[in-house]
C-alpha atoms as a PDB file:
ATOM      1  CA  GLU A   1       5.595-108.292-125.464  1.00  0.00           C
ATOM      2  CA  LYS A   2       4.752-107.781-121.771  1.00  0.00           C
ATOM      3  CA  LEU A   3       1.776-110.097-122.238  1.00  0.00           C
ATOM      4  CA  LEU A   4       4.063-112.905-123.348  1.00  0.00           C
ATOM      5  CA  LYS A   5       6.433-112.511-120.394  1.00  0.00           C
ATOM      6  CA  GLY A   6       3.901-112.913-117.604  1.00  0.00           C
ATOM      7  CA  GLU A   7       3.331-110.844-114.528  1.00  0.00           C
ATOM      8  CA  ILE A   8       5.099-110.102-111.287  1.00  0.00           C
ATOM      9  CA  PRO A   9       4.451-113.094-109.004  1.00  0.00           C
ATOM     10  CA  GLY A  10       2.107-112.617-106.060  1.00  0.00           C
ATOM     11  CA  LYS A  11       3.545-112.481-102.558  1.00  0.00           C
ATOM     12  CA  ALA A  12       2.101-114.697 -99.818  1.00  0.00           C
ATOM     13  CA  ILE A  13      -0.183-113.005 -97.309  1.00  0.00           C
ATOM     14  CA  GLU A  14       0.382-113.597 -93.611  1.00  0.00           C
ATOM     15  CA  ILE A  15      -2.647-115.221 -91.964  1.00  0.00           C
ATOM     16  CA  LYS A  16      -3.047-112.325 -89.526  1.00  0.00           C
ATOM     17  CA  GLU A  17      -3.242-109.936 -92.522  1.00  0.00           C
ATOM     18  CA  ILE A  18      -6.252-111.699 -94.102  1.00  0.00           C
ATOM     19  CA  SER A  19      -8.763-109.823 -91.922  1.00  0.00           C
ATOM     20  CA  SER A  20      -7.062-106.450 -92.507  1.00  0.00           C
ATOM     21  CA  GLN A  21      -8.975-103.683 -94.248  1.00  0.00           C
ATOM     22  CA  GLU A  22      -6.369-103.642 -97.042  1.00  0.00           C
ATOM     23  CA  ILE A  23      -6.834-107.332 -97.927  1.00  0.00           C
ATOM     24  CA  GLN A  24     -10.614-107.287 -97.486  1.00  0.00           C
ATOM     25  CA  GLN A  25     -10.850-104.178 -99.719  1.00  0.00           C
ATOM     26  CA  LEU A  26      -8.655-105.828-102.349  1.00  0.00           C
ATOM     27  CA  ILE A  27     -10.948-108.874-102.344  1.00  0.00           C
ATOM     28  CA  ASP A  28     -14.005-106.589-102.672  1.00  0.00           C
ATOM     29  CA  ASP A  29     -12.328-104.734-105.549  1.00  0.00           C
ATOM     30  CA  MET A  30     -11.470-108.003-107.297  1.00  0.00           C
ATOM     31  CA  LEU A  31     -15.042-109.264-106.860  1.00  0.00           C
ATOM     32  CA  ARG A  32     -16.321-105.971-108.275  1.00  0.00           C
ATOM     33  CA  VAL A  33     -14.088-106.318-111.351  1.00  0.00           C
ATOM     34  CA  ALA A  34     -15.103-109.950-111.853  1.00  0.00           C
ATOM     35  CA  ASN A  35     -18.805-109.185-111.365  1.00  0.00           C
ATOM     36  CA  GLY A  36     -18.511-106.209-113.707  1.00  0.00           C
ATOM     37  CA  GLU A  37     -17.425-108.567-116.440  1.00  0.00           C
ATOM     38  CA  GLN A  38     -20.538-110.738-115.957  1.00  0.00           C
ATOM     39  CA  GLY A  39     -23.730-110.493-117.965  1.00  0.00           C
ATOM     40  CA  ASP A  40     -22.356-108.665-121.017  1.00  0.00           C
ATOM     41  CA  THR A  41     -23.485-110.861-123.879  1.00  0.00           C
ATOM     42  CA  ASN A  42     -20.921-109.217-126.173  1.00  0.00           C
ATOM     43  CA  ARG A  43     -18.019-110.510-124.049  1.00  0.00           C
ATOM     44  CA  ARG A  44     -16.951-113.840-122.664  1.00  0.00           C
ATOM     45  CA  THR A  45     -17.823-114.327-119.006  1.00  0.00           C
ATOM     46  CA  MET A  46     -14.979-113.851-116.530  1.00  0.00           C
ATOM     47  CA  VAL A  47     -14.450-117.057-114.551  1.00  0.00           C
ATOM     48  CA  GLY A  48     -11.305-116.104-112.646  1.00  0.00           C
ATOM     49  CA  LEU A  49      -9.077-113.215-111.673  1.00  0.00           C
ATOM     50  CA  ALA A  50      -5.697-112.971-109.928  1.00  0.00           C
ATOM     51  CA  ALA A  51      -4.464-109.947-107.971  1.00  0.00           C
ATOM     52  CA  PRO A  52      -1.326-109.587-110.180  1.00  0.00           C
ATOM     53  CA  GLN A  53      -3.647-108.995-113.160  1.00  0.00           C
ATOM     54  CA  LEU A  54      -4.690-105.776-111.410  1.00  0.00           C
ATOM     55  CA  GLY A  55      -1.085-104.834-110.692  1.00  0.00           C
ATOM     56  CA  VAL A  56      -1.192-106.040-107.066  1.00  0.00           C
ATOM     57  CA  SER A  57       1.531-108.467-106.019  1.00  0.00           C
ATOM     58  CA  LYS A  58      -0.571-110.550-103.595  1.00  0.00           C
ATOM     59  CA  ARG A  59      -1.505-114.239-103.694  1.00  0.00           C
ATOM     60  CA  ILE A  60      -5.271-113.806-104.041  1.00  0.00           C
ATOM     61  CA  ILE A  61      -7.505-115.250-106.736  1.00  0.00           C
ATOM     62  CA  ILE A  62     -11.210-115.071-107.460  1.00  0.00           C
ATOM     63  CA  ILE A  63     -12.725-118.225-108.949  1.00  0.00           C
ATOM     64  CA  ASP A  64     -16.187-118.940-110.320  1.00  0.00           C
ATOM     65  CA  THR A  65     -16.597-122.415-108.846  1.00  0.00           C
ATOM     66  CA  ALA A  66     -19.900-123.039-110.648  1.00  0.00           C
ATOM     67  CA  SER A  67     -18.736-122.254-114.150  1.00  0.00           C
ATOM     68  CA  THR A  68     -18.784-124.701-116.989  1.00  0.00           C
ATOM     69  CA  GLY A  69     -17.838-121.943-119.432  1.00  0.00           C
ATOM     70  CA  MET A  70     -21.389-121.605-120.684  1.00  0.00           C
ATOM     71  CA  GLY A  71     -22.245-118.217-119.134  1.00  0.00           C
ATOM     72  CA  GLU A  72     -24.233-119.419-116.123  1.00  0.00           C
ATOM     73  CA  THR A  73     -24.775-117.282-113.011  1.00  0.00           C
ATOM     74  CA  PRO A  74     -21.395-117.044-111.294  1.00  0.00           C
ATOM     75  CA  GLU A  75     -20.441-118.248-107.835  1.00  0.00           C
ATOM     76  CA  LEU A  76     -17.343-116.156-107.194  1.00  0.00           C
ATOM     77  CA  HIS A  77     -15.096-117.096-104.279  1.00  0.00           C
ATOM     78  CA  ALA A  78     -11.817-115.642-103.010  1.00  0.00           C
ATOM     79  CA  TYR A  79      -8.823-117.874-102.288  1.00  0.00           C
ATOM     80  CA  ILE A  80      -5.819-116.517-100.417  1.00  0.00           C
ATOM     81  CA  ASN A  81      -2.389-118.140-100.746  1.00  0.00           C
ATOM     82  CA  PRO A  82      -3.834-120.951-102.873  1.00  0.00           C
ATOM     83  CA  ALA A  83      -1.585-123.854-103.809  1.00  0.00           C
ATOM     84  CA  ILE A  84      -2.139-126.949-105.883  1.00  0.00           C
ATOM     85  CA  VAL A  85      -1.205-129.779-103.524  1.00  0.00           C
ATOM     86  CA  SER A  86      -1.864-132.584-106.001  1.00  0.00           C
ATOM     87  CA  LYS A  87      -2.920-133.000-109.596  1.00  0.00           C
ATOM     88  CA  SER A  88      -3.734-135.852-111.914  1.00  0.00           C
ATOM     89  CA  GLU A  89      -1.353-136.960-114.597  1.00  0.00           C
ATOM     90  CA  HIS A  90      -4.290-137.055-117.010  1.00  0.00           C
ATOM     91  CA  LEU A  91      -4.256-133.899-119.124  1.00  0.00           C
ATOM     92  CA  GLU A  92      -7.156-132.341-120.986  1.00  0.00           C
ATOM     93  CA  GLN A  93      -6.765-129.782-123.730  1.00  0.00           C
ATOM     94  CA  GLY A  94      -9.020-126.754-123.511  1.00  0.00           C
ATOM     95  CA  ARG A  95      -9.338-123.309-124.994  1.00  0.00           C
ATOM     96  CA  GLU A  96      -8.303-120.497-122.658  1.00  0.00           C
ATOM     97  CA  GLY A  97      -8.613-116.759-122.788  1.00  0.00           C
ATOM     98  CA  CYS A  98      -7.642-114.216-120.207  1.00  0.00           C
ATOM     99  CA  PHE A  99      -8.588-110.821-118.778  1.00  0.00           C
ATOM    100  CA  SER A 100      -4.943-109.856-119.381  1.00  0.00           C
ATOM    101  CA  THR A 101      -4.877-110.893-123.043  1.00  0.00           C
ATOM    102  CA  GLY A 102      -8.064-109.327-124.396  1.00  0.00           C
ATOM    103  CA  ASN A 103      -9.301-111.330-127.373  1.00  0.00           C
ATOM    104  CA  VAL A 104      -6.269-113.628-127.471  1.00  0.00           C
ATOM    105  CA  CYS A 105      -7.096-117.307-126.863  1.00  0.00           C
ATOM    106  CA  GLY A 106      -5.262-120.592-127.200  1.00  0.00           C
ATOM    107  CA  ASN A 107      -5.473-124.298-126.445  1.00  0.00           C
ATOM    108  CA  VAL A 108      -3.639-125.413-123.308  1.00  0.00           C
ATOM    109  CA  ASN A 109      -3.172-128.833-121.699  1.00  0.00           C
ATOM    110  CA  ARG A 110      -4.074-128.904-117.980  1.00  0.00           C
ATOM    111  CA  SER A 111      -4.527-131.608-115.354  1.00  0.00           C
ATOM    112  CA  SER A 112      -8.122-132.802-115.288  1.00  0.00           C
ATOM    113  CA  GLU A 113      -8.230-133.153-111.481  1.00  0.00           C
ATOM    114  CA  ILE A 114      -6.525-131.119-108.756  1.00  0.00           C
ATOM    115  CA  VAL A 115      -6.582-130.560-105.017  1.00  0.00           C
ATOM    116  CA  VAL A 116      -6.167-126.943-103.920  1.00  0.00           C
ATOM    117  CA  SER A 117      -5.299-125.710-100.455  1.00  0.00           C
ATOM    118  CA  GLY A 118      -5.874-122.090 -99.461  1.00  0.00           C
ATOM    119  CA  TYR A 119      -7.599-119.668 -97.124  1.00  0.00           C
ATOM    120  CA  ASN A 120     -11.007-118.086 -97.564  1.00  0.00           C
ATOM    121  CA  ARG A 121     -11.569-114.424 -96.758  1.00  0.00           C
ATOM    122  CA  GLN A 122     -12.469-115.335 -93.164  1.00  0.00           C
ATOM    123  CA  GLY A 123      -8.988-116.840 -92.736  1.00  0.00           C
ATOM    124  CA  GLU A 124     -10.184-120.457 -92.659  1.00  0.00           C
ATOM    125  CA  LEU A 125      -7.910-123.002 -94.318  1.00  0.00           C
ATOM    126  CA  ALA A 126      -9.582-125.385 -96.727  1.00  0.00           C
ATOM    127  CA  SER A 127      -8.478-128.158 -99.042  1.00  0.00           C
ATOM    128  CA  GLU A 128     -10.783-128.767-101.989  1.00  0.00           C
ATOM    129  CA  ALA A 129     -10.819-131.199-104.907  1.00  0.00           C
ATOM    130  CA  TRP A 130     -11.831-129.873-108.333  1.00  0.00           C
ATOM    131  CA  THR A 131     -12.249-131.454-111.749  1.00  0.00           C
ATOM    132  CA  GLY A 132     -12.804-130.380-115.328  1.00  0.00           C
ATOM    133  CA  PHE A 133     -13.334-126.720-116.161  1.00  0.00           C
ATOM    134  CA  THR A 134     -13.071-125.516-112.554  1.00  0.00           C
ATOM    135  CA  ALA A 135      -9.729-127.333-112.161  1.00  0.00           C
ATOM    136  CA  ARG A 136      -8.584-125.531-115.320  1.00  0.00           C
ATOM    137  CA  ILE A 137      -9.593-122.133-113.899  1.00  0.00           C
ATOM    138  CA  PHE A 138      -7.653-122.755-110.675  1.00  0.00           C
ATOM    139  CA  GLN A 139      -4.527-123.796-112.587  1.00  0.00           C
ATOM    140  CA  HIS A 140      -4.787-120.749-114.865  1.00  0.00           C
ATOM    141  CA  GLU A 141      -5.216-118.278-111.987  1.00  0.00           C
ATOM    142  CA  ILE A 142      -2.527-119.859-109.785  1.00  0.00           C
ATOM    143  CA  ASP A 143      -0.192-119.568-112.783  1.00  0.00           C
ATOM    144  CA  HIS A 144      -0.763-115.780-112.617  1.00  0.00           C
ATOM    145  CA  LEU A 145       0.298-115.845-108.959  1.00  0.00           C
ATOM    146  CA  ASN A 146       3.484-117.585-110.065  1.00  0.00           C
ATOM    147  CA  GLY A 147       4.187-115.019-112.789  1.00  0.00           C
ATOM    148  CA  LYS A 148       3.070-117.216-115.678  1.00  0.00           C
ATOM    149  CA  VAL A 149       0.420-116.597-118.348  1.00  0.00           C
ATOM    150  CA  PHE A 150      -1.303-119.227-120.461  1.00  0.00           C
ATOM    151  CA  VAL A 151       0.363-118.109-123.696  1.00  0.00           C
ATOM    152  CA  GLN A 152       3.668-119.389-122.297  1.00  0.00           C
ATOM    153  CA  TYR A 153       2.324-122.936-122.751  1.00  0.00           C
ATOM    154  CA  LEU A 154       1.841-122.482-126.486  1.00  0.00           C
ATOM    155  CA  SER A 155       4.198-123.898-129.124  1.00  0.00           C
ATOM    156  CA  ASN A 156       6.625-121.538-130.895  1.00  0.00           C
ATOM    157  CA  LEU A 157       4.464-121.635-134.020  1.00  0.00           C
ATOM    158  CA  LYS A 158       1.339-120.667-132.069  1.00  0.00           C
ATOM    159  CA  LEU A 159       3.316-118.067-130.120  1.00  0.00           C
ATOM    160  CA  ASN A 160       4.526-116.425-133.353  1.00  0.00           C
ATOM    161  CA  ARG A 161       0.950-116.352-134.683  1.00  0.00           C
ATOM    162  CA  LEU A 162      -0.143-114.834-131.390  1.00  0.00           C
ATOM    163  CA  LYS A 163       2.522-112.119-131.576  1.00  0.00           C
ATOM    164  CA  SER A 164       1.315-111.232-135.088  1.00  0.00           C
ATOM    165  CA  LYS A 165      -2.284-111.100-133.890  1.00  0.00           C
ATOM    166  CA  ILE A 166      -1.361-108.837-130.955  1.00  0.00           C
ATOM    167  CA  LYS A 167       0.570-106.460-133.224  1.00  0.00           C
ATOM    168  CA  LYS A 168      -2.396-106.324-135.614  1.00  0.00           C
ATOM    169  CA  GLN A 169      -4.773-105.547-132.722  1.00  0.00           C
ATOM    170  CA  GLN A 170      -2.424-102.812-131.504  1.00  0.00           C
ATOM    171  CA  ARG A 171      -2.272-101.253-134.994  1.00  0.00           C
ATOM    172  CA  GLU A 172      -6.067-101.376-135.278  1.00  0.00           C
ATOM    173  CA  SER A 173      -6.485 -99.797-131.816  1.00  0.00           C
ATOM    174  CA  ALA A 174      -4.002 -97.025-132.645  1.00  0.00           C
ATOM    175  CA  SER A 175      -5.787 -96.162-135.884  1.00  0.00           C
ATOM    176  CA  SER A 176      -9.273 -95.965-134.364  1.00  0.00           C
END
């Protein structure tokens, strides 16, 4: 049930805090988690991570900006206080999974092109345009910062199927 409700939204980080040991350590920890999920051929490759997924209410995301979803070598980058400043009206449907949802996946409509503004870990503000799969990753991770998870985009029918699947997985985990 918690999975379907989303997470606690991330709080904005003051610019002067970006260089602090706390924030830099959090970014390192997030990169370590994301890198730890790479290269395991038995699992899907992690292409993004948001601080709230680790129980930290901060507006930080890690994005693999090189990913096409085909398991290539990642280029993981941290974005602090990211915001989507514009997005196309053209939507593309794509299959999404999530670190927070385990094996649960679903099809979600997302804008095909976006412009994101945010700070890098050096505290430099950047505005970047992204398309396709990378645009999808940004939208997914920024949703986490806003307390939303991808399953909240699914229809009631798909949501009910998802709830059944989660309960089945929980029963199987409890019996093993």
